């Protein structure tokens, strides 16, 4: 019922390039198409296109569905012919085709011919178990093309069980396949499906073939992020083409070369897929990295002054102490401002205290934080509780500041990570805290390092708030 409701609702939707397809299996053994409940449900969906899958592997025919090889051929042909009476287009997915072809090539090809003879518009070759390698895909497609009618549209459906989902799809395209199935970000069962976010730019940019409308290619990163959000999955930082690290440069020699010409260390223009170049700061950075980041942050930094070298030396000293700024660029921006004497203190700390108290073994421990600040010369002394010491400290700090800076109410802590830097020291080890914050318009990362986890958290919290206030002030907000 839920699926049918979806198709009823989507019938009124207007799409520029997409087409909705219903998806189901061939008829059951010994059942006429008009009496098969699954086929009737497909017809009721009312979509312009239907896709059905059938068995290509003789082992599956006799073992999984328990019928004869001849009945399976009839099931394929009958189902395609019946659905052609109700749909503009019928796509046939040949399930387990590559495995079936390896074991019994003659029968696997006969299943395709049954669908073709019944009028299927496209024959999709499926690597359902995801175990085929690119050379096997290519060889099999060549054999298929020798058997089917010239010009019969072929498709590929690849899984990623041996990390070849994208490669197998591209090899298939190279062999003349013009229908590629996959998913955004490769999300799917087991190890995932072929990743369309990689396939699309490979086909268009690298292979020079038409795929989606050219202007839409620039939306690729946004689409990838949107689907990640819908799936409640964290974006893959190193995802080809669209990940944050896809066009990121760390080493000073690399950055210096990219500044002279991007092609020295980039295989394409990142803006073609909606991404952008990133320069990272770490102990591997050179002066070119510092100058790039200054320009990115809108900070006036002359390469002929010692400022860039001083900032670089400070960066390397802090990284030696355990700081890491690759995921905490807001902290690095503030570090640069402080080093150049441009930093404005939005408040001054007089002191803070955190207490965790357990009154009764049957109750959760209570965390309470007290903060003493001076804001614009006015002393503030606030206390707040939380579901942990860091949460309580965050609440107390905001409570003290929001009266003076109401825009802090927009801000929230999105992620909190703790890393023990020297595990051999056990509970006495130095701790690095990474905090991700956001306000609906932007997200930013900050870092703190200390022997005390509360102090490390305080450093990251303060940087997070100061970054928000500084950014809003630059934009004319208070």
Protein backbone atom coordinates (compact mmCIF):
# COMPACT_ATOMS: atom_id res chain seq x y z
CA UNK A 1 0.00 0.00 0.00
CA UNK A 2 2.77 2.46 0.85
CA UNK A 3 4.47 1.92 -2.52
CA UNK A 4 1.21 2.42 -4.41
CA UNK A 5 0.52 5.64 -2.50
CA UNK A 6 3.93 6.91 -3.55
CA UNK A 7 3.29 6.22 -7.23
CA UNK A 8 -0.13 7.90 -7.06
CA UNK A 9 1.43 11.02 -5.55
CA UNK A 10 4.34 11.13 -7.99
CA UNK A 11 2.07 10.92 -11.05
CA UNK A 12 1.41 14.66 -10.78
CA UNK A 13 5.07 15.59 -10.33
CA UNK A 14 6.88 17.31 -13.20
CA UNK A 15 10.48 16.26 -13.89
CA UNK A 16 12.87 17.94 -16.31
CA UNK A 17 15.02 14.91 -17.09
CA UNK A 18 14.10 12.08 -14.69
CA UNK A 19 11.54 9.37 -15.37
CA UNK A 20 9.92 7.29 -12.65
CA UNK A 21 9.98 3.51 -13.09
CA UNK A 22 8.17 0.82 -11.16
CA UNK A 23 10.29 -2.20 -10.30
CA UNK A 24 9.40 -5.85 -9.75
CA UNK A 25 9.92 -9.48 -10.72
CA UNK A 26 8.70 -11.60 -13.60
CA UNK A 27 5.55 -13.65 -13.10
CA UNK A 28 5.69 -16.65 -10.78
CA UNK A 29 6.08 -20.20 -12.17
CA UNK A 30 2.80 -21.62 -13.45
CA UNK A 31 0.86 -18.34 -13.06
CA UNK A 32 -0.51 -16.32 -15.99
CA UNK A 33 0.71 -12.68 -16.11
CA UNK A 34 -2.82 -11.31 -15.72
CA UNK A 35 -3.22 -13.42 -12.55
CA UNK A 36 0.14 -12.57 -11.00
CA UNK A 37 -0.19 -10.21 -8.01
CA UNK A 38 3.27 -8.68 -8.48
CA UNK A 39 2.68 -7.80 -12.13
CA UNK A 40 -0.74 -6.37 -11.31
CA UNK A 41 0.85 -4.15 -8.65
CA UNK A 42 3.30 -2.85 -11.27
CA UNK A 43 0.44 -2.02 -13.62
CA UNK A 44 -1.43 -0.22 -10.83
CA UNK A 45 1.64 1.94 -10.17
CA UNK A 46 0.90 3.76 -13.42
CA UNK A 47 4.48 4.88 -14.07
CA UNK A 48 5.59 5.53 -17.66
CA UNK A 49 8.42 3.00 -17.36
CA UNK A 50 8.61 -0.42 -15.70
CA UNK A 51 11.69 -2.48 -14.87
CA UNK A 52 11.42 -6.20 -14.18
CA UNK A 53 14.12 -8.65 -13.21
CA UNK A 54 14.37 -12.29 -14.17
CA UNK A 55 16.75 -15.17 -13.59
CA UNK A 56 19.77 -15.61 -15.89
CA UNK A 57 21.65 -18.22 -13.89
CA UNK A 58 20.44 -21.80 -14.29
CA UNK A 59 21.54 -22.56 -10.72
CA UNK A 60 19.15 -19.88 -9.43
CA UNK A 61 16.31 -21.11 -11.63
CA UNK A 62 16.43 -24.64 -10.27
CA UNK A 63 17.54 -23.84 -6.71
CA UNK A 64 16.10 -20.44 -5.75
CA UNK A 65 12.72 -20.46 -7.52
CA UNK A 66 12.49 -24.21 -8.10
CA UNK A 67 11.29 -24.39 -11.67
CA UNK A 68 12.51 -25.67 -15.03
CA UNK A 69 14.82 -23.79 -17.36
CA UNK A 70 12.15 -23.67 -20.07
CA UNK A 71 9.49 -22.32 -17.68
CA UNK A 72 11.90 -19.57 -16.64
CA UNK A 73 12.30 -18.52 -20.28
CA UNK A 74 8.52 -18.42 -20.62
CA UNK A 75 8.22 -16.37 -17.43
CA UNK A 76 10.58 -13.75 -18.88
CA UNK A 77 8.91 -13.55 -22.29
CA UNK A 78 5.34 -13.60 -20.95
CA UNK A 79 6.04 -10.87 -18.39
CA UNK A 80 7.72 -8.51 -20.85
CA UNK A 81 4.99 -8.99 -23.46
CA UNK A 82 2.23 -8.43 -20.90
CA UNK A 83 3.79 -5.26 -19.46
CA UNK A 84 4.29 -3.78 -22.94
CA UNK A 85 0.50 -3.49 -23.15
CA UNK A 86 0.50 -1.14 -20.14
CA UNK A 87 3.79 0.83 -20.26
CA UNK A 88 5.62 3.11 -22.67
CA UNK A 89 8.91 1.37 -21.91
CA UNK A 90 9.90 -1.99 -20.41
CA UNK A 91 13.43 -2.49 -19.09
CA UNK A 92 14.60 -6.03 -18.41
CA UNK A 93 17.18 -6.58 -15.65
CA UNK A 94 19.01 -9.87 -16.19
CA UNK A 95 19.72 -10.78 -12.57
CA UNK A 96 23.00 -12.65 -11.87
CA UNK A 97 23.81 -12.44 -15.58
CA UNK A 98 27.60 -12.44 -15.30
CA UNK A 99 27.67 -15.33 -12.82
CA UNK A 100 25.18 -17.22 -14.96
CA UNK A 101 27.26 -16.59 -18.08
CA UNK A 102 30.38 -17.98 -16.39
CA UNK A 103 28.58 -21.25 -15.49
CA UNK A 104 26.25 -21.73 -18.44
CA UNK A 105 26.78 -19.10 -21.14
CA UNK A 106 24.31 -20.64 -23.57
CA UNK A 107 21.41 -20.49 -21.12
CA UNK A 108 22.27 -17.01 -19.86
CA UNK A 109 22.17 -15.74 -23.45
CA UNK A 110 18.85 -17.51 -24.09
CA UNK A 111 17.27 -15.57 -21.21
CA UNK A 112 18.33 -12.31 -22.87
CA UNK A 113 16.96 -13.42 -26.21
CA UNK A 114 13.63 -14.30 -24.56
CA UNK A 115 13.31 -10.74 -23.23
CA UNK A 116 14.46 -9.24 -26.53
CA UNK A 117 12.01 -11.33 -28.58
CA UNK A 118 9.15 -10.22 -26.31
CA UNK A 119 9.98 -6.57 -27.01
CA UNK A 120 12.06 -5.33 -24.04
CA UNK A 121 13.44 -1.87 -24.76
CA UNK A 122 16.71 -2.41 -22.87
CA UNK A 123 18.56 -5.49 -21.62
CA UNK A 124 20.43 -4.73 -18.39
CA UNK A 125 23.28 -7.08 -17.51
CA UNK A 126 23.49 -7.41 -13.72
CA UNK A 127 26.52 -8.32 -11.64
CA UNK A 128 24.20 -9.01 -8.72
CA UNK A 129 26.79 -10.60 -6.42
CA UNK A 130 29.33 -7.92 -7.29
CA UNK A 131 32.20 -10.36 -7.80
CA UNK A 132 33.12 -9.75 -11.44
CA UNK A 133 36.28 -7.95 -12.56
CA UNK A 134 36.47 -5.37 -15.37
CA UNK A 135 38.06 -7.70 -17.94
CA UNK A 136 35.27 -10.25 -17.34
CA UNK A 137 32.63 -7.56 -17.84
CA UNK A 138 34.18 -6.46 -21.13
CA UNK A 139 34.56 -9.98 -22.52
CA UNK A 140 30.99 -10.93 -21.60
CA UNK A 141 29.47 -7.82 -23.16
CA UNK A 142 31.29 -8.54 -26.42
CA UNK A 143 29.75 -12.03 -26.45
CA UNK A 144 26.29 -10.59 -25.76
CA UNK A 145 26.61 -8.13 -28.65
CA UNK A 146 27.38 -11.01 -31.02
CA UNK A 147 24.06 -12.67 -30.12
CA UNK A 148 21.48 -9.90 -29.72
CA UNK A 149 20.19 -7.82 -32.62
CA UNK A 150 22.49 -5.00 -33.77
CA UNK A 151 21.62 -1.80 -31.95
CA UNK A 152 19.74 -3.48 -29.09
CA UNK A 153 20.19 -1.14 -26.08
CA UNK A 154 22.23 -2.74 -23.32
CA UNK A 155 22.63 -1.72 -19.69
CA UNK A 156 24.91 -2.47 -16.74
CA UNK A 157 24.01 -2.98 -13.08
CA UNK A 158 27.15 -3.32 -10.95
CA UNK A 159 27.72 -3.88 -7.25
CA UNK A 160 30.83 -2.96 -5.31
CA UNK A 161 31.68 -6.17 -3.45
CA UNK A 162 35.18 -6.29 -4.95
CA UNK A 163 35.56 -2.50 -5.18
CA UNK A 164 34.90 -2.57 -8.93
CA UNK A 165 31.38 -1.12 -9.16
CA UNK A 166 32.49 2.09 -10.85
CA UNK A 167 35.24 0.43 -12.91
CA UNK A 168 32.88 -2.25 -14.21
CA UNK A 169 30.31 0.38 -15.17
CA UNK A 170 32.89 2.43 -17.07
CA UNK A 171 34.23 -0.63 -18.87
CA UNK A 172 30.67 -1.45 -19.91
CA UNK A 173 30.19 2.07 -21.26
CA UNK A 174 33.43 1.67 -23.18
CA UNK A 175 31.97 -1.48 -24.76
CA UNK A 176 28.92 0.43 -25.99
CA UNK A 177 26.49 0.07 -23.10
CA UNK A 178 24.33 3.20 -22.88
CA UNK A 179 22.19 2.49 -19.79
CA UNK A 180 23.95 2.56 -16.40
CA UNK A 181 22.27 1.75 -13.10
CA UNK A 182 23.70 2.91 -9.79
CA UNK A 183 22.98 4.97 -6.69
CA UNK A 184 24.02 8.37 -5.39
CA UNK A 185 27.15 7.94 -3.23
CA UNK A 186 27.04 4.21 -3.97
CA UNK A 187 24.62 3.55 -1.11
CA UNK A 188 23.23 0.04 -1.28
CA UNK A 189 23.19 -3.45 0.18
CA UNK A 190 26.36 -5.16 1.38
CA UNK A 191 29.29 -3.13 0.02
CA UNK A 192 27.09 -0.81 -2.02
CA UNK A 193 26.10 -0.23 -5.64
CA UNK A 194 28.01 1.47 -8.42
CA UNK A 195 28.47 5.10 -7.40
CA UNK A 196 26.76 7.46 -9.85
CA UNK A 197 28.57 10.44 -8.32
CA UNK A 198 31.80 9.00 -9.71
CA UNK A 199 30.36 7.46 -12.87
CA UNK A 200 28.69 10.62 -14.17
CA UNK A 201 31.79 12.88 -14.24
CA UNK A 202 33.94 10.01 -15.49
CA UNK A 203 31.60 9.46 -18.42
CA UNK A 204 31.22 13.17 -19.19
CA UNK A 205 34.61 14.68 -18.35
CA UNK A 206 37.00 11.79 -18.88
CA UNK A 207 35.24 9.86 -21.65
CA UNK A 208 33.66 12.86 -23.37
CA UNK A 209 30.22 11.27 -23.66
CA UNK A 210 26.80 12.83 -23.15
CA UNK A 211 25.12 11.85 -19.92
CA UNK A 212 23.22 14.49 -17.95
CA UNK A 213 22.69 18.11 -19.08
CA UNK A 214 26.08 19.80 -18.84
CA UNK A 215 24.99 22.60 -16.45
CA UNK A 216 23.63 19.98 -14.04
CA UNK A 217 27.12 18.57 -13.53
CA UNK A 218 27.90 21.57 -11.31
CA UNK A 219 25.15 20.40 -8.93
CA UNK A 220 26.87 17.05 -8.32
CA UNK A 221 28.44 17.91 -4.96
CA UNK A 222 25.20 19.45 -3.68
CA UNK A 223 23.22 16.38 -4.73
CA UNK A 224 25.73 14.10 -3.03
CA UNK A 225 25.48 16.11 0.21
CA UNK A 226 21.69 16.25 0.01
CA UNK A 227 21.39 12.47 -0.29
CA UNK A 228 23.88 12.00 2.57
CA UNK A 229 21.68 14.21 4.71
CA UNK A 230 18.53 12.29 3.76
CA UNK A 231 20.26 9.00 4.55
CA UNK A 232 21.59 10.41 7.83
CA UNK A 233 25.10 9.46 6.72
CA UNK A 234 28.16 11.58 7.24
CA UNK A 235 29.61 12.72 3.87
CA UNK A 236 32.68 10.76 2.82
CA UNK A 237 35.51 13.27 3.11
CA UNK A 238 37.72 11.48 0.57
CA UNK A 239 34.94 10.77 -1.95
CA UNK A 240 36.25 11.23 -5.49
CA UNK A 241 35.15 14.41 -7.24
CA UNK A 242 32.85 15.77 -4.50
CA UNK A 243 34.56 15.06 -1.15
CA UNK A 244 36.22 17.78 0.91
CA UNK A 245 39.60 16.15 0.29
CA UNK A 246 39.11 15.53 -3.44
CA UNK A 247 40.95 18.73 -4.38
CA UNK A 248 42.78 19.40 -1.11
CA UNK A 249 46.50 20.20 -0.93
CA UNK A 250 48.71 19.99 2.13
CA UNK A 251 52.39 19.89 1.23
CA UNK A 252 54.03 23.26 0.63
CA UNK A 253 55.59 22.17 -2.67
CA UNK A 254 52.18 21.06 -3.95
CA UNK A 255 50.51 24.32 -2.95
CA UNK A 256 53.26 26.42 -4.48
CA UNK A 257 52.85 24.56 -7.77
CA UNK A 258 49.04 24.76 -7.72
CA UNK A 259 49.29 28.53 -7.23
CA UNK A 260 51.32 28.69 -10.43
CA UNK A 261 49.03 26.36 -12.37
CA UNK A 262 46.27 24.09 -10.96
CA UNK A 263 46.97 21.29 -13.45
CA UNK A 264 50.26 20.56 -11.70
CA UNK A 265 48.40 18.66 -8.96
CA UNK A 266 44.74 18.54 -10.07
CA UNK A 267 43.26 16.23 -12.69
CA UNK A 268 40.42 18.64 -13.52
CA UNK A 269 38.74 21.90 -12.51
CA UNK A 270 36.86 21.15 -9.26
CA UNK A 271 34.19 23.71 -10.09
CA UNK A 272 32.94 21.50 -12.95
CA UNK A 273 31.36 19.24 -10.31
CA UNK A 274 30.49 22.00 -7.83
CA UNK A 275 33.53 21.41 -5.64
CA UNK A 276 36.37 23.79 -4.81
CA UNK A 277 40.07 23.74 -4.13
CA UNK A 278 41.16 23.48 -0.49
CA UNK A 279 44.55 24.24 0.98
CA UNK A 280 45.22 22.53 4.30
CA UNK A 281 47.46 23.70 7.10
CA UNK A 282 49.68 21.27 8.97
CA UNK A 283 53.32 20.71 9.86
CA UNK A 284 53.81 19.80 6.18
CA UNK A 285 52.66 23.26 5.12
CA UNK A 286 54.90 25.83 3.54
CA UNK A 287 54.68 29.58 3.25
CA UNK A 288 52.48 29.18 0.16
CA UNK A 289 49.83 27.46 2.30
CA UNK A 290 49.80 30.35 4.76
CA UNK A 291 49.46 32.96 2.01
CA UNK A 292 46.64 30.97 0.38
CA UNK A 293 44.71 30.65 3.65
CA UNK A 294 45.17 34.35 4.39
CA UNK A 295 43.66 35.21 1.02
CA UNK A 296 40.82 32.73 1.62
CA UNK A 297 40.07 34.31 5.01
CA UNK A 298 40.27 37.87 3.68
CA UNK A 299 43.39 38.62 5.73
CA UNK A 300 45.94 41.03 4.29
CA UNK A 301 49.27 39.20 4.43
CA UNK A 302 52.30 40.30 2.42
CA UNK A 303 54.68 37.54 1.37
CA UNK A 304 57.58 39.98 1.68
CA UNK A 305 57.06 40.47 5.44
CA UNK A 306 58.12 38.00 8.16
CA UNK A 307 54.49 37.50 9.23
CA UNK A 308 53.92 34.42 7.08
CA UNK A 309 57.07 32.75 8.41
CA UNK A 310 56.08 33.60 12.00
CA UNK A 311 52.63 32.07 11.51
CA UNK A 312 54.17 28.98 9.92
CA UNK A 313 56.58 28.56 12.83
CA UNK A 314 53.69 28.96 15.28
CA UNK A 315 51.66 26.35 13.38
CA UNK A 316 54.47 23.81 13.48
CA UNK A 317 55.07 24.42 17.20
CA UNK A 318 51.39 23.93 18.00
CA UNK A 319 51.16 20.78 15.89
CA UNK A 320 54.17 19.45 17.77
CA UNK A 321 52.17 20.02 20.98
CA UNK A 322 49.27 17.98 19.60
CA UNK A 323 47.10 20.56 17.82
CA UNK A 324 45.72 19.65 14.40
CA UNK A 325 43.99 22.21 12.21
CA UNK A 326 42.84 20.18 9.19
CA UNK A 327 39.39 19.77 10.75
CA UNK A 328 39.56 22.98 12.74
CA UNK A 329 40.11 25.79 10.27
CA UNK A 330 38.13 28.27 12.38
CA UNK A 331 40.79 27.90 15.10
CA UNK A 332 43.53 28.43 12.53
CA UNK A 333 41.87 31.58 11.20
CA UNK A 334 41.72 32.95 14.74
CA UNK A 335 45.36 31.93 15.27
CA UNK A 336 46.36 33.99 12.23
CA UNK A 337 44.41 37.01 13.47
CA UNK A 338 46.06 36.76 16.89
CA UNK A 339 49.52 36.43 15.36
CA UNK A 340 48.95 39.55 13.26
CA UNK A 341 47.57 41.54 16.19
CA UNK A 342 44.09 41.75 14.62
CA UNK A 343 42.29 39.69 17.24
CA UNK A 344 39.48 41.27 19.19
CA UNK A 345 38.56 39.79 22.57
CA UNK A 346 34.77 39.62 22.86
CA UNK A 347 35.05 38.66 26.52
CA UNK A 348 37.72 38.07 29.16
CA UNK A 349 37.80 35.01 31.39
CA UNK A 350 38.25 35.46 35.11
CA UNK A 351 37.76 31.76 35.83
CA UNK A 352 35.57 28.70 35.53
CA UNK A 353 34.77 25.68 37.67
CA UNK A 354 33.12 22.37 36.81
CA UNK A 355 31.66 19.96 39.36
CA UNK A 356 30.34 16.46 38.72
CA UNK A 357 28.38 15.17 41.68
CA UNK A 358 26.76 11.80 42.31
CA UNK A 359 24.29 11.97 45.20
CA UNK A 360 22.70 8.56 44.88
CA UNK A 361 23.87 5.48 43.07
CA UNK A 362 20.42 5.11 41.49
CA UNK A 363 20.53 8.54 39.83
CA UNK A 364 22.56 9.97 36.96
CA UNK A 365 25.55 12.11 38.04
CA UNK A 366 24.85 15.87 37.99
CA UNK A 367 27.27 18.18 36.14
CA UNK A 368 27.36 21.88 36.98
CA UNK A 369 29.62 24.62 35.61
CA UNK A 370 30.29 28.12 36.93
CA UNK A 371 31.82 30.78 34.69
CA UNK A 372 33.16 34.23 35.65
CA UNK A 373 33.67 36.64 32.73
CA UNK A 374 33.95 40.30 31.89
CA UNK A 375 31.98 41.29 28.81
CA UNK A 376 32.49 44.84 27.55
CA UNK A 377 33.83 45.66 31.01
CA UNK A 378 30.78 44.23 32.78
CA UNK A 379 31.40 41.28 35.16
CA UNK A 380 29.24 38.22 34.60
CA UNK A 381 28.99 35.26 36.96
CA UNK A 382 26.75 32.44 35.73
CA UNK A 383 26.10 28.80 36.50
CA UNK A 384 24.40 26.08 34.49
CA UNK A 385 23.92 22.35 34.55
CA UNK A 386 24.21 19.86 31.71
CA UNK A 387 24.24 16.20 30.83
CA UNK A 388 28.02 16.20 31.25
CA UNK A 389 30.80 18.58 32.27
CA UNK A 390 31.42 19.92 28.76
CA UNK A 391 27.70 20.42 28.09
CA UNK A 392 27.36 22.26 31.41
CA UNK A 393 30.35 24.47 30.57
CA UNK A 394 28.86 25.25 27.16
CA UNK A 395 25.52 26.22 28.76
CA UNK A 396 27.16 28.44 31.38
CA UNK A 397 29.31 30.23 28.79
CA UNK A 398 26.35 30.90 26.52
CA UNK A 399 24.23 32.04 29.45
CA UNK A 400 26.84 34.67 30.26
CA UNK A 401 27.22 35.89 26.67
CA UNK A 402 23.80 35.71 25.00
CA UNK A 403 22.54 38.88 26.70
CA UNK A 404 25.37 40.80 25.01
CA UNK A 405 25.49 38.77 21.79
CA UNK A 406 21.94 37.50 21.01
CA UNK A 407 23.08 35.96 17.70
CA UNK A 408 24.76 33.19 19.70
CA UNK A 409 21.28 31.70 20.15
CA UNK A 410 21.46 30.64 16.47
CA UNK A 411 24.56 28.57 17.12
CA UNK A 412 24.66 24.94 18.20
CA UNK A 413 27.32 22.33 18.85
CA UNK A 414 27.02 19.67 16.14
CA UNK A 415 29.83 17.26 16.94
CA UNK A 416 32.32 16.65 19.73
CA UNK A 417 35.33 14.35 19.36
CA UNK A 418 38.07 13.44 21.81
CA UNK A 419 41.45 11.97 20.86
CA UNK A 420 44.00 10.68 23.37
CA UNK A 421 47.39 11.75 22.02
CA UNK A 422 49.66 9.41 24.01
CA UNK A 423 47.80 6.26 24.96
CA UNK A 424 50.78 4.91 26.91
CA UNK A 425 50.16 7.54 29.62
CA UNK A 426 46.62 6.27 30.26
CA UNK A 427 44.39 8.71 32.14
CA UNK A 428 47.26 11.21 32.38
CA UNK A 429 47.63 11.55 28.61
CA UNK A 430 47.25 14.82 26.74
CA UNK A 431 43.85 15.20 25.08
CA UNK A 432 42.80 16.82 21.80
CA UNK A 433 39.19 17.96 21.46
CA UNK A 434 37.60 18.77 18.09
CA UNK A 435 34.28 20.58 18.04
CA UNK A 436 32.04 21.18 15.03
CA UNK A 437 29.54 24.03 15.38
CA UNK A 438 26.93 25.54 13.08
CA UNK A 439 24.31 28.25 12.84
CA UNK A 440 22.25 27.19 9.82
CA UNK A 441 24.37 29.18 7.39
CA UNK A 442 27.76 27.63 7.97
CA UNK A 443 29.55 24.92 9.92
CA UNK A 444 33.03 25.33 11.37
CA UNK A 445 35.56 23.33 13.35
CA UNK A 446 37.69 24.30 16.34
CA UNK A 447 40.33 22.52 18.40
CA UNK A 448 41.75 22.49 21.90
CA UNK A 449 44.66 20.54 23.40
CA UNK A 450 45.53 20.15 27.08
CA UNK A 451 46.41 17.60 29.74
CA UNK A 452 42.91 18.23 31.14
CA UNK A 453 39.96 17.31 28.91
CA UNK A 454 37.86 20.12 30.40
CA UNK A 455 40.52 22.71 29.53
CA UNK A 456 40.89 21.31 26.00
CA UNK A 457 37.11 21.49 25.60
CA UNK A 458 37.08 25.07 26.93
CA UNK A 459 39.67 26.14 24.34
CA UNK A 460 37.62 24.65 21.50
CA UNK A 461 34.35 26.13 22.84
CA UNK A 462 35.85 29.62 23.15
CA UNK A 463 37.27 29.48 19.62
CA UNK A 464 33.91 28.32 18.30
CA UNK A 465 32.07 31.25 19.88
CA UNK A 466 34.72 33.82 18.94
CA UNK A 467 34.67 32.63 15.33
CA UNK A 468 30.89 33.05 15.19
CA UNK A 469 31.04 36.55 16.70
CA UNK A 470 33.92 37.65 14.48
CA UNK A 471 32.27 36.35 11.30
CA UNK A 472 28.94 38.02 12.13
CA UNK A 473 30.71 41.29 12.91
CA UNK A 474 32.41 41.21 9.51
CA UNK A 475 28.97 40.79 7.95
CA UNK A 476 27.59 43.76 9.86
CA UNK A 477 25.64 41.71 12.40
CA UNK A 478 25.70 42.09 16.18
